[in-house]
C-alpha atoms as a PDB file:
ATOM      1  CA  MET A   1       0.000   0.000   0.000  1.00  0.00           C
ATOM      2  CA  GLN A   2       2.862   2.371   0.782  1.00  0.00           C
ATOM      3  CA  ARG A   3       4.435   1.752  -2.607  1.00  0.00           C
ATOM      4  CA  PHE A   4       1.087   2.278  -4.324  1.00  0.00           C
ATOM      5  CA  VAL A   5       0.332   5.543  -2.492  1.00  0.00           C
ATOM      6  CA  ARG A   6       3.713   6.920  -3.514  1.00  0.00           C
ATOM      7  CA  HIS A   7       2.603   6.571  -7.147  1.00  0.00           C
ATOM      8  CA  ARG A   8       0.701   9.856  -7.441  1.00  0.00           C
ATOM      9  CA  LEU A   9      -0.770   9.166 -10.868  1.00  0.00           C
ATOM     10  CA  ALA A  10      -2.131   5.848  -9.617  1.00  0.00           C
ATOM     11  CA  VAL A  11      -3.811   7.567  -6.669  1.00  0.00           C
ATOM     12  CA  PHE A  12      -5.222  10.149  -9.067  1.00  0.00           C
ATOM     13  CA  GLY A  13      -6.531   7.302 -11.245  1.00  0.00           C
ATOM     14  CA  VAL A  14      -8.261   5.626  -8.286  1.00  0.00           C
ATOM     15  CA  VAL A  15      -9.941   8.891  -7.289  1.00  0.00           C
ATOM     16  CA  VAL A  16     -11.159   9.520 -10.851  1.00  0.00           C
ATOM     17  CA  ILE A  17     -12.455   5.966 -11.267  1.00  0.00           C
ATOM     18  CA  VAL A  18     -14.333   6.029  -7.941  1.00  0.00           C
ATOM     19  CA  LEU A  19     -15.899   9.419  -8.674  1.00  0.00           C
ATOM     20  CA  LEU A  20     -16.792   8.366 -12.212  1.00  0.00           C
ATOM     21  CA  ALA A  21     -18.348   5.097 -11.030  1.00  0.00           C
ATOM     22  CA  LEU A  22     -20.422   6.913  -8.415  1.00  0.00           C
ATOM     23  CA  ALA A  23     -21.498   9.559 -10.920  1.00  0.00           C
ATOM     24  CA  CYS A  24     -22.549   6.967 -13.504  1.00  0.00           C
ATOM     25  CA  ALA A  25     -24.337   4.854 -10.892  1.00  0.00           C
ATOM     26  CA  ILE A  26     -26.439   7.570  -9.249  1.00  0.00           C
ATOM     27  CA  GLY A  27     -26.003  10.561 -11.554  1.00  0.00           C
ATOM     28  CA  PRO A  28     -28.742   9.632 -14.065  1.00  0.00           C
ATOM     29  CA  LEU A  29     -31.205   9.502 -11.169  1.00  0.00           C
ATOM     30  CA  LEU A  30     -30.332  13.051 -10.103  1.00  0.00           C
ATOM     31  CA  VAL A  31     -30.192  14.791 -13.489  1.00  0.00           C
ATOM     32  CA  PRO A  32     -33.568  16.467 -14.168  1.00  0.00           C
ATOM     33  CA  TYR A  33     -33.601  15.270 -17.792  1.00  0.00           C
ATOM     34  CA  GLY A  34     -33.652  11.714 -19.110  1.00  0.00           C
ATOM     35  CA  HIS A  35     -30.974  10.582 -21.555  1.00  0.00           C
ATOM     36  CA  LEU A  36     -33.669  10.029 -24.230  1.00  0.00           C
ATOM     37  CA  GLN A  37     -35.834  13.044 -23.378  1.00  0.00           C
ATOM     38  CA  LEU A  38     -36.219  15.482 -26.299  1.00  0.00           C
ATOM     39  CA  ASP A  39     -36.202  19.268 -25.847  1.00  0.00           C
ATOM     40  CA  MET A  40     -36.524  20.763 -29.317  1.00  0.00           C
ATOM     41  CA  ARG A  41     -36.660  24.304 -27.932  1.00  0.00           C
ATOM     42  CA  HIS A  42     -33.080  24.020 -26.700  1.00  0.00           C
ATOM     43  CA  ARG A  43     -31.342  22.201 -29.570  1.00  0.00           C
ATOM     44  CA  PHE A  44     -27.568  22.715 -29.735  1.00  0.00           C
ATOM     45  CA  GLN A  45     -27.503  24.593 -26.460  1.00  0.00           C
ATOM     46  CA  ALA A  46     -23.917  25.333 -25.411  1.00  0.00           C
ATOM     47  CA  PRO A  47     -22.696  24.207 -21.975  1.00  0.00           C
ATOM     48  CA  PHE A  48     -23.676  26.454 -19.051  1.00  0.00           C
ATOM     49  CA  ALA A  49     -25.841  28.592 -21.349  1.00  0.00           C
ATOM     50  CA  GLY A  50     -29.307  27.295 -20.472  1.00  0.00           C
ATOM     51  CA  PRO A  51     -31.256  24.626 -18.617  1.00  0.00           C
ATOM     52  CA  HIS A  52     -28.908  21.853 -19.777  1.00  0.00           C
ATOM     53  CA  MET A  53     -25.710  22.091 -17.705  1.00  0.00           C
ATOM     54  CA  LEU A  54     -23.378  20.533 -20.292  1.00  0.00           C
ATOM     55  CA  GLY A  55     -25.436  21.533 -23.306  1.00  0.00           C
ATOM     56  CA  SER A  56     -27.700  19.554 -25.593  1.00  0.00           C
ATOM     57  CA  ASP A  57     -27.407  17.751 -28.906  1.00  0.00           C
ATOM     58  CA  GLU A  58     -29.205  18.076 -32.249  1.00  0.00           C
ATOM     59  CA  LEU A  59     -32.440  16.716 -30.713  1.00  0.00           C
ATOM     60  CA  GLY A  60     -32.229  18.714 -27.508  1.00  0.00           C
ATOM     61  CA  ARG A  61     -31.172  15.704 -25.411  1.00  0.00           C
ATOM     62  CA  ASP A  62     -29.271  16.543 -22.253  1.00  0.00           C
ATOM     63  CA  GLN A  63     -25.543  15.892 -22.703  1.00  0.00           C
ATOM     64  CA  LEU A  64     -24.857  15.330 -19.015  1.00  0.00           C
ATOM     65  CA  ALA A  65     -27.525  12.630 -18.771  1.00  0.00           C
ATOM     66  CA  ARG A  66     -26.265  10.964 -21.939  1.00  0.00           C
ATOM     67  CA  LEU A  67     -22.618  11.095 -20.832  1.00  0.00           C
ATOM     68  CA  LEU A  68     -23.441   9.477 -17.497  1.00  0.00           C
ATOM     69  CA  MET A  69     -25.613   6.779 -19.066  1.00  0.00           C
ATOM     70  CA  ALA A  70     -22.922   6.131 -21.694  1.00  0.00           C
ATOM     71  CA  GLY A  71     -20.363   5.890 -18.911  1.00  0.00           C
ATOM     72  CA  ARG A  72     -22.522   3.344 -17.113  1.00  0.00           C
ATOM     73  CA  ILE A  73     -22.627   1.226 -20.265  1.00  0.00           C
ATOM     74  CA  SER A  74     -18.903   1.610 -21.044  1.00  0.00           C
ATOM     75  CA  LEU A  75     -17.811   0.792 -17.492  1.00  0.00           C
ATOM     76  CA  SER A  76     -20.165  -2.203 -17.380  1.00  0.00           C
ATOM     77  CA  ILE A  77     -18.746  -3.547 -20.633  1.00  0.00           C
ATOM     78  CA  GLY A  78     -15.170  -2.908 -19.485  1.00  0.00           C
ATOM     79  CA  LEU A  79     -15.577  -4.618 -16.109  1.00  0.00           C
ATOM     80  CA  ALA A  80     -17.594  -7.561 -17.446  1.00  0.00           C
ATOM     81  CA  ALA A  81     -15.165  -8.121 -20.332  1.00  0.00           C
ATOM     82  CA  MET A  82     -12.279  -7.988 -17.843  1.00  0.00           C
ATOM     83  CA  VAL A  83     -13.849 -10.659 -15.619  1.00  0.00           C
ATOM     84  CA  ILE A  84     -14.506 -12.985 -18.558  1.00  0.00           C
ATOM     85  CA  SER A  85     -11.025 -12.422 -20.017  1.00  0.00           C
ATOM     86  CA  VAL A  86      -9.280 -13.010 -16.690  1.00  0.00           C
ATOM     87  CA  VAL A  87     -11.240 -16.198 -15.950  1.00  0.00           C
ATOM     88  CA  VAL A  88     -10.749 -17.724 -19.415  1.00  0.00           C
ATOM     89  CA  GLY A  89      -7.136 -16.603 -19.773  1.00  0.00           C
ATOM     90  CA  SER A  90      -6.179 -17.722 -16.263  1.00  0.00           C
ATOM     91  CA  VAL A  91      -7.677 -21.193 -16.698  1.00  0.00           C
ATOM     92  CA  VAL A  92      -6.023 -21.701 -20.092  1.00  0.00           C
ATOM     93  CA  GLY A  93      -2.641 -20.400 -18.911  1.00  0.00           C
ATOM     94  CA  LEU A  94      -2.848 -22.383 -15.663  1.00  0.00           C
ATOM     95  CA  ILE A  95      -3.604 -25.680 -17.385  1.00  0.00           C
ATOM     96  CA  ALA A  96      -1.031 -25.125 -20.129  1.00  0.00           C
ATOM     97  CA  GLY A  97       1.681 -24.065 -17.690  1.00  0.00           C
ATOM     98  CA  PHE A  98       1.098 -26.817 -15.153  1.00  0.00           C
ATOM     99  CA  ARG A  99       0.354 -29.730 -17.438  1.00  0.00           C
ATOM    100  CA  GLY A 100       2.840 -28.862 -20.149  1.00  0.00           C
ATOM    101  CA  GLY A 101       3.491 -31.522 -22.756  1.00  0.00           C
ATOM    102  CA  ALA A 102       1.254 -31.864 -25.800  1.00  0.00           C
ATOM    103  CA  LEU A 103      -1.757 -30.281 -24.074  1.00  0.00           C
ATOM    104  CA  GLY A 104       0.180 -27.198 -23.047  1.00  0.00           C
ATOM    105  CA  THR A 105       1.700 -26.879 -26.508  1.00  0.00           C
ATOM    106  CA  VAL A 106      -1.673 -27.120 -28.256  1.00  0.00           C
ATOM    107  CA  LEU A 107      -3.293 -24.571 -25.936  1.00  0.00           C
ATOM    108  CA  MET A 108      -0.500 -22.031 -26.336  1.00  0.00           C
ATOM    109  CA  ARG A 109      -0.356 -22.484 -30.116  1.00  0.00           C
ATOM    110  CA  ILE A 110      -4.086 -21.667 -30.189  1.00  0.00           C
ATOM    111  CA  VAL A 111      -3.324 -18.535 -28.169  1.00  0.00           C
ATOM    112  CA  ASP A 112      -0.493 -17.605 -30.555  1.00  0.00           C
ATOM    113  CA  ALA A 113      -2.712 -18.175 -33.588  1.00  0.00           C
ATOM    114  CA  ILE A 114      -5.412 -15.846 -32.256  1.00  0.00           C
ATOM    115  CA  LEU A 115      -2.795 -13.247 -31.307  1.00  0.00           C
ATOM    116  CA  CYS A 116      -1.649 -13.181 -34.938  1.00  0.00           C
ATOM    117  CA  PHE A 117      -4.842 -11.352 -35.879  1.00  0.00           C
ATOM    118  CA  PRO A 118      -4.934  -7.617 -35.041  1.00  0.00           C
ATOM    119  CA  SER A 119      -7.478  -7.314 -32.259  1.00  0.00           C
ATOM    120  CA  ILE A 120      -9.345  -4.372 -33.777  1.00  0.00           C
ATOM    121  CA  PHE A 121      -9.907  -6.208 -37.087  1.00  0.00           C
ATOM    122  CA  LEU A 122     -10.963  -9.370 -35.268  1.00  0.00           C
ATOM    123  CA  LEU A 123     -13.326  -7.290 -33.140  1.00  0.00           C
ATOM    124  CA  LEU A 124     -14.868  -5.544 -36.147  1.00  0.00           C
ATOM    125  CA  THR A 125     -15.309  -8.848 -37.984  1.00  0.00           C
ATOM    126  CA  LEU A 126     -17.104 -10.462 -35.069  1.00  0.00           C
ATOM    127  CA  ALA A 127     -19.201  -7.345 -34.432  1.00  0.00           C
ATOM    128  CA  ALA A 128     -20.290  -7.244 -38.082  1.00  0.00           C
ATOM    129  CA  LEU A 129     -21.485 -10.864 -37.919  1.00  0.00           C
ATOM    130  CA  ILE A 130     -23.400 -10.642 -34.623  1.00  0.00           C
ATOM    131  CA  SER A 131     -26.337  -8.428 -33.721  1.00  0.00           C
ATOM    132  CA  PRO A 132     -24.860  -5.669 -31.518  1.00  0.00           C
ATOM    133  CA  SER A 133     -25.990  -5.322 -27.900  1.00  0.00           C
ATOM    134  CA  VAL A 134     -24.338  -4.735 -24.555  1.00  0.00           C
ATOM    135  CA  VAL A 135     -24.043  -8.491 -23.944  1.00  0.00           C
ATOM    136  CA  THR A 136     -22.663  -9.376 -27.377  1.00  0.00           C
ATOM    137  CA  ILE A 137     -20.194  -6.465 -27.394  1.00  0.00           C
ATOM    138  CA  THR A 138     -18.984  -7.534 -23.951  1.00  0.00           C
ATOM    139  CA  LEU A 139     -18.430 -11.111 -25.127  1.00  0.00           C
ATOM    140  CA  ILE A 140     -16.709  -9.994 -28.323  1.00  0.00           C
ATOM    141  CA  VAL A 141     -14.338  -7.673 -26.468  1.00  0.00           C
ATOM    142  CA  ALA A 142     -13.566 -10.439 -23.959  1.00  0.00           C
ATOM    143  CA  LEU A 143     -12.814 -12.872 -26.794  1.00  0.00           C
ATOM    144  CA  THR A 144     -10.154 -10.490 -28.120  1.00  0.00           C
ATOM    145  CA  ALA A 145      -8.483  -9.856 -24.737  1.00  0.00           C
ATOM    146  CA  TRP A 146      -8.069 -13.185 -22.900  1.00  0.00           C
ATOM    147  CA  MET A 147      -4.968 -14.290 -24.824  1.00  0.00           C
ATOM    148  CA  GLU A 148      -2.649 -11.810 -23.079  1.00  0.00           C
ATOM    149  CA  VAL A 149      -3.850 -13.092 -19.701  1.00  0.00           C
ATOM    150  CA  ALA A 150      -3.189 -16.663 -20.797  1.00  0.00           C
ATOM    151  CA  ARG A 151       0.381 -15.894 -21.817  1.00  0.00           C
ATOM    152  CA  ILE A 152       1.148 -14.029 -18.590  1.00  0.00           C
ATOM    153  CA  VAL A 153      -0.316 -16.793 -16.416  1.00  0.00           C
ATOM    154  CA  TYR A 154       1.451 -19.456 -18.475  1.00  0.00           C
ATOM    155  CA  GLY A 155       4.828 -17.827 -17.886  1.00  0.00           C
ATOM    156  CA  GLN A 156       4.176 -17.392 -14.169  1.00  0.00           C
ATOM    157  CA  ILE A 157       3.018 -20.974 -13.684  1.00  0.00           C
ATOM    158  CA  ARG A 158       5.980 -22.369 -15.633  1.00  0.00           C
ATOM    159  CA  ALA A 159       8.317 -20.583 -13.216  1.00  0.00           C
ATOM    160  CA  LEU A 160       6.363 -21.389 -10.047  1.00  0.00           C
ATOM    161  CA  ARG A 161       5.862 -25.100 -10.670  1.00  0.00           C
ATOM    162  CA  GLU A 162       9.607 -25.720 -10.243  1.00  0.00           C
ATOM    163  CA  LEU A 163       9.728 -24.249  -6.719  1.00  0.00           C
ATOM    164  CA  GLU A 164       9.930 -26.203  -3.480  1.00  0.00           C
ATOM    165  CA  PHE A 165       6.408 -25.538  -2.220  1.00  0.00           C
ATOM    166  CA  VAL A 166       4.964 -27.336  -5.270  1.00  0.00           C
ATOM    167  CA  ALA A 167       7.183 -30.351  -4.629  1.00  0.00           C
ATOM    168  CA  ALA A 168       6.052 -30.299  -0.989  1.00  0.00           C
ATOM    169  CA  ALA A 169       2.394 -30.252  -2.072  1.00  0.00           C
ATOM    170  CA  VAL A 170       3.001 -33.229  -4.339  1.00  0.00           C
ATOM    171  CA  THR A 171       4.764 -35.067  -1.516  1.00  0.00           C
ATOM    172  CA  VAL A 172       1.823 -34.719   0.888  1.00  0.00           C
ATOM    173  CA  GLY A 173      -0.546 -36.094  -1.768  1.00  0.00           C
ATOM    174  CA  SER A 174      -2.289 -32.950  -3.043  1.00  0.00           C
ATOM    175  CA  THR A 175      -4.275 -33.480  -6.215  1.00  0.00           C
ATOM    176  CA  PRO A 176      -3.247 -31.643  -9.401  1.00  0.00           C
ATOM    177  CA  THR A 177      -6.416 -29.543  -9.222  1.00  0.00           C
ATOM    178  CA  ARG A 178      -5.631 -28.456  -5.675  1.00  0.00           C
ATOM    179  CA  ILE A 179      -2.046 -27.644  -6.611  1.00  0.00           C
ATOM    180  CA  MET A 180      -3.156 -25.534  -9.558  1.00  0.00           C
ATOM    181  CA  PHE A 181      -5.926 -23.570  -7.867  1.00  0.00           C
ATOM    182  CA  ARG A 182      -4.778 -23.507  -4.205  1.00  0.00           C
ATOM    183  CA  GLU A 183      -1.001 -23.343  -4.557  1.00  0.00           C
ATOM    184  CA  LEU A 184       0.008 -21.954  -7.946  1.00  0.00           C
ATOM    185  CA  LEU A 185      -2.779 -19.559  -8.933  1.00  0.00           C
ATOM    186  CA  PRO A 186      -2.713 -17.494  -5.685  1.00  0.00           C
ATOM    187  CA  ASN A 187       1.024 -16.962  -6.158  1.00  0.00           C
ATOM    188  CA  ALA A 188       0.427 -15.594  -9.670  1.00  0.00           C
ATOM    189  CA  ILE A 189      -2.345 -13.212  -8.640  1.00  0.00           C
ATOM    190  CA  GLY A 190      -0.151 -10.091  -8.723  1.00  0.00           C
ATOM    191  CA  PRO A 191       0.430  -9.973 -12.496  1.00  0.00           C
ATOM    192  CA  ILE A 192      -3.205 -11.011 -13.059  1.00  0.00           C
ATOM    193  CA  ILE A 193      -4.459  -8.007 -11.065  1.00  0.00           C
ATOM    194  CA  VAL A 194      -2.234  -5.660 -13.037  1.00  0.00           C
ATOM    195  CA  VAL A 195      -3.311  -6.981 -16.426  1.00  0.00           C
ATOM    196  CA  ALA A 196      -6.961  -6.920 -15.301  1.00  0.00           C
ATOM    197  CA  THR A 197      -6.875  -3.142 -14.825  1.00  0.00           C
ATOM    198  CA  LEU A 198      -5.296  -2.696 -18.240  1.00  0.00           C
ATOM    199  CA  ILE A 199      -7.947  -4.917 -19.828  1.00  0.00           C
ATOM    200  CA  VAL A 200     -10.696  -2.659 -18.468  1.00  0.00           C
ATOM    201  CA  ALA A 201      -9.068   0.344 -20.155  1.00  0.00           C
ATOM    202  CA  ARG A 202      -8.602  -1.586 -23.364  1.00  0.00           C
ATOM    203  CA  ALA A 203     -12.180  -2.875 -23.342  1.00  0.00           C
ATOM    204  CA  ILE A 204     -13.586   0.652 -22.943  1.00  0.00           C
ATOM    205  CA  LEU A 205     -11.405   1.850 -25.799  1.00  0.00           C
ATOM    206  CA  LEU A 206     -12.376  -1.062 -28.062  1.00  0.00           C
ATOM    207  CA  GLU A 207     -16.072  -0.540 -27.339  1.00  0.00           C
ATOM    208  CA  SER A 208     -15.659   3.114 -28.296  1.00  0.00           C
ATOM    209  CA  TYR A 209     -13.929   2.075 -31.544  1.00  0.00           C
ATOM    210  CA  VAL A 210     -16.649  -0.252 -32.712  1.00  0.00           C
ATOM    211  CA  SER A 211     -19.459   2.064 -31.590  1.00  0.00           C
ATOM    212  CA  TYR A 212     -17.829   4.966 -33.421  1.00  0.00           C
ATOM    213  CA  LEU A 213     -17.653   2.851 -36.572  1.00  0.00           C
ATOM    214  CA  GLY A 214     -21.309   1.856 -36.224  1.00  0.00           C
ATOM    215  CA  TYR A 215     -20.846  -1.805 -35.206  1.00  0.00           C
ATOM    216  CA  GLY A 216     -21.198  -1.399 -31.448  1.00  0.00           C
ATOM    217  CA  ILE A 217     -23.884   0.043 -29.187  1.00  0.00           C
ATOM    218  CA  GLN A 218     -26.651   1.359 -31.412  1.00  0.00           C
ATOM    219  CA  PRO A 219     -28.525   4.672 -30.967  1.00  0.00           C
ATOM    220  CA  PRO A 220     -30.628   5.807 -29.242  1.00  0.00           C
ATOM    221  CA  ILE A 221     -28.753   3.992 -26.440  1.00  0.00           C
ATOM    222  CA  PRO A 222     -25.794   6.291 -25.761  1.00  0.00           C
ATOM    223  CA  SER A 223     -22.181   5.238 -25.614  1.00  0.00           C
ATOM    224  CA  TRP A 224     -19.153   7.464 -25.762  1.00  0.00           C
ATOM    225  CA  GLY A 225     -18.237   5.974 -29.128  1.00  0.00           C
ATOM    226  CA  ASN A 226     -21.557   6.531 -30.894  1.00  0.00           C
ATOM    227  CA  MET A 227     -21.811  10.015 -29.337  1.00  0.00           C
ATOM    228  CA  LEU A 228     -18.515  10.848 -31.036  1.00  0.00           C
ATOM    229  CA  GLU A 229     -19.757   9.415 -34.328  1.00  0.00           C
ATOM    230  CA  LYS A 230     -22.883  11.590 -34.271  1.00  0.00           C
ATOM    231  CA  ALA A 231     -20.887  14.665 -33.209  1.00  0.00           C
ATOM    232  CA  GLN A 232     -18.383  14.622 -36.056  1.00  0.00           C
ATOM    233  CA  GLN A 233     -20.800  16.358 -38.437  1.00  0.00           C
ATOM    234  CA  TYR A 234     -21.212  19.231 -35.958  1.00  0.00           C
ATOM    235  CA  LEU A 235     -17.541  19.870 -35.138  1.00  0.00           C
ATOM    236  CA  THR A 236     -17.629  23.457 -36.393  1.00  0.00           C
ATOM    237  CA  THR A 237     -21.059  24.447 -35.078  1.00  0.00           C
ATOM    238  CA  ALA A 238     -21.292  22.465 -31.811  1.00  0.00           C
ATOM    239  CA  PRO A 239     -17.794  21.235 -30.891  1.00  0.00           C
ATOM    240  CA  TRP A 240     -18.787  20.338 -27.313  1.00  0.00           C
ATOM    241  CA  LEU A 241     -20.731  17.353 -28.653  1.00  0.00           C
ATOM    242  CA  ALA A 242     -17.388  15.733 -29.581  1.00  0.00           C
ATOM    243  CA  ILE A 243     -15.173  17.247 -26.885  1.00  0.00           C
ATOM    244  CA  LEU A 244     -17.155  15.970 -23.904  1.00  0.00           C
ATOM    245  CA  PRO A 245     -17.289  12.228 -24.792  1.00  0.00           C
ATOM    246  CA  GLY A 246     -13.692  12.442 -26.034  1.00  0.00           C
ATOM    247  CA  VAL A 247     -12.576  13.825 -22.668  1.00  0.00           C
ATOM    248  CA  MET A 248     -14.502  11.106 -20.835  1.00  0.00           C
ATOM    249  CA  ILE A 249     -12.872   8.329 -22.872  1.00  0.00           C
ATOM    250  CA  THR A 250      -9.400   9.802 -22.428  1.00  0.00           C
ATOM    251  CA  LEU A 251      -9.799  10.407 -18.705  1.00  0.00           C
ATOM    252  CA  THR A 252     -11.236   6.958 -17.994  1.00  0.00           C
ATOM    253  CA  VAL A 253      -8.703   5.000 -20.045  1.00  0.00           C
ATOM    254  CA  ALA A 254      -5.782   7.019 -18.675  1.00  0.00           C
ATOM    255  CA  SER A 255      -6.988   6.521 -15.095  1.00  0.00           C
ATOM    256  CA  PHE A 256      -7.160   2.735 -15.456  1.00  0.00           C
ATOM    257  CA  ASN A 257      -3.705   2.726 -17.043  1.00  0.00           C
ATOM    258  CA  PHE A 258      -2.332   4.820 -14.163  1.00  0.00           C
ATOM    259  CA  VAL A 259      -3.819   2.373 -11.658  1.00  0.00           C
ATOM    260  CA  GLY A 260      -2.288  -0.528 -13.566  1.00  0.00           C
ATOM    261  CA  ASP A 261       1.147   1.131 -13.470  1.00  0.00           C
ATOM    262  CA  GLY A 262       0.785   1.779  -9.738  1.00  0.00           C
ATOM    263  CA  LEU A 263      -0.267  -1.803  -9.022  1.00  0.00           C
ATOM    264  CA  ARG A 264       2.630  -3.137 -11.073  1.00  0.00           C
ATOM    265  CA  ASP A 265       5.106  -1.108  -9.016  1.00  0.00           C
ATOM    266  CA  ALA A 266       3.371  -1.912  -5.718  1.00  0.00           C
ATOM    267  CA  LEU A 267       3.199  -5.669  -6.313  1.00  0.00           C
ATOM    268  CA  ASP A 268       6.793  -5.937  -7.539  1.00  0.00           C
ATOM    269  CA  PRO A 269       9.100  -5.989  -4.495  1.00  0.00           C
ATOM    270  CA  ARG A 270      12.056  -5.030  -6.702  1.00  0.00           C
ATOM    271  CA  SER A 271      10.421  -1.628  -7.269  1.00  0.00           C
ATOM    272  CA  ASP A 272      10.698  -0.653  -3.578  1.00  0.00           C
ATOM    273  CA  LYS A 273      12.981   2.379  -3.518  1.00  0.00           C
ATOM    274  CA  ARG A 274      13.091   2.949   0.237  1.00  0.00           C
END
């Protein structure tokens, strides 16, 4: 904890993420306008220039309400995709690293084969073939992110399985399943936690990509990506429509990356500079 607190950007990232999560969770209930509510009398209202605090879009919809609802969707996709990626990647890497042999080779060659495809193209291909929704986008993003977890866990398990505590577990008659999930996996949790935070940032960014290109979350449901796509035709007349979701994406992704950097330094004893 001391090493983490000394990483000021990581602390800043935690504060931003907590405030953003709270705002997206309860903010839509407090904003006087719904994210789908039309107000044609105040179309293209600039921020702080009328009843809509952060302005309104081409249909008079409140930008603050839409940003918070979009944040709720983006954070949900990012966290859910992270959980799925970590579970799948950890199980594959754990089995491949512990078992080794032909099974481990086959599993890791599958991982390498999937990694050969650029993730954004793989994501767009899958998104174009499947009807877009929050659930399907979450699954698609998770399917493009678990391979990195598998490789990290595989490397950790390969190193850990040669240590004395594993030999001691084998000596006392522990089953392979117990050794994998009670002895090896807890000792590899540090790198998994770090990569999990980075996966959340990546998932939010990937969701914004596909929504911006029209293959992700579909209007009228707001997401930061499709808000940017709609705003590009109003860059000269209503630039805040693009600036606000762009700032939210940048701030959220940067905050998760800062937290990941801080966790990496905190969980690595070699980084202690006392």
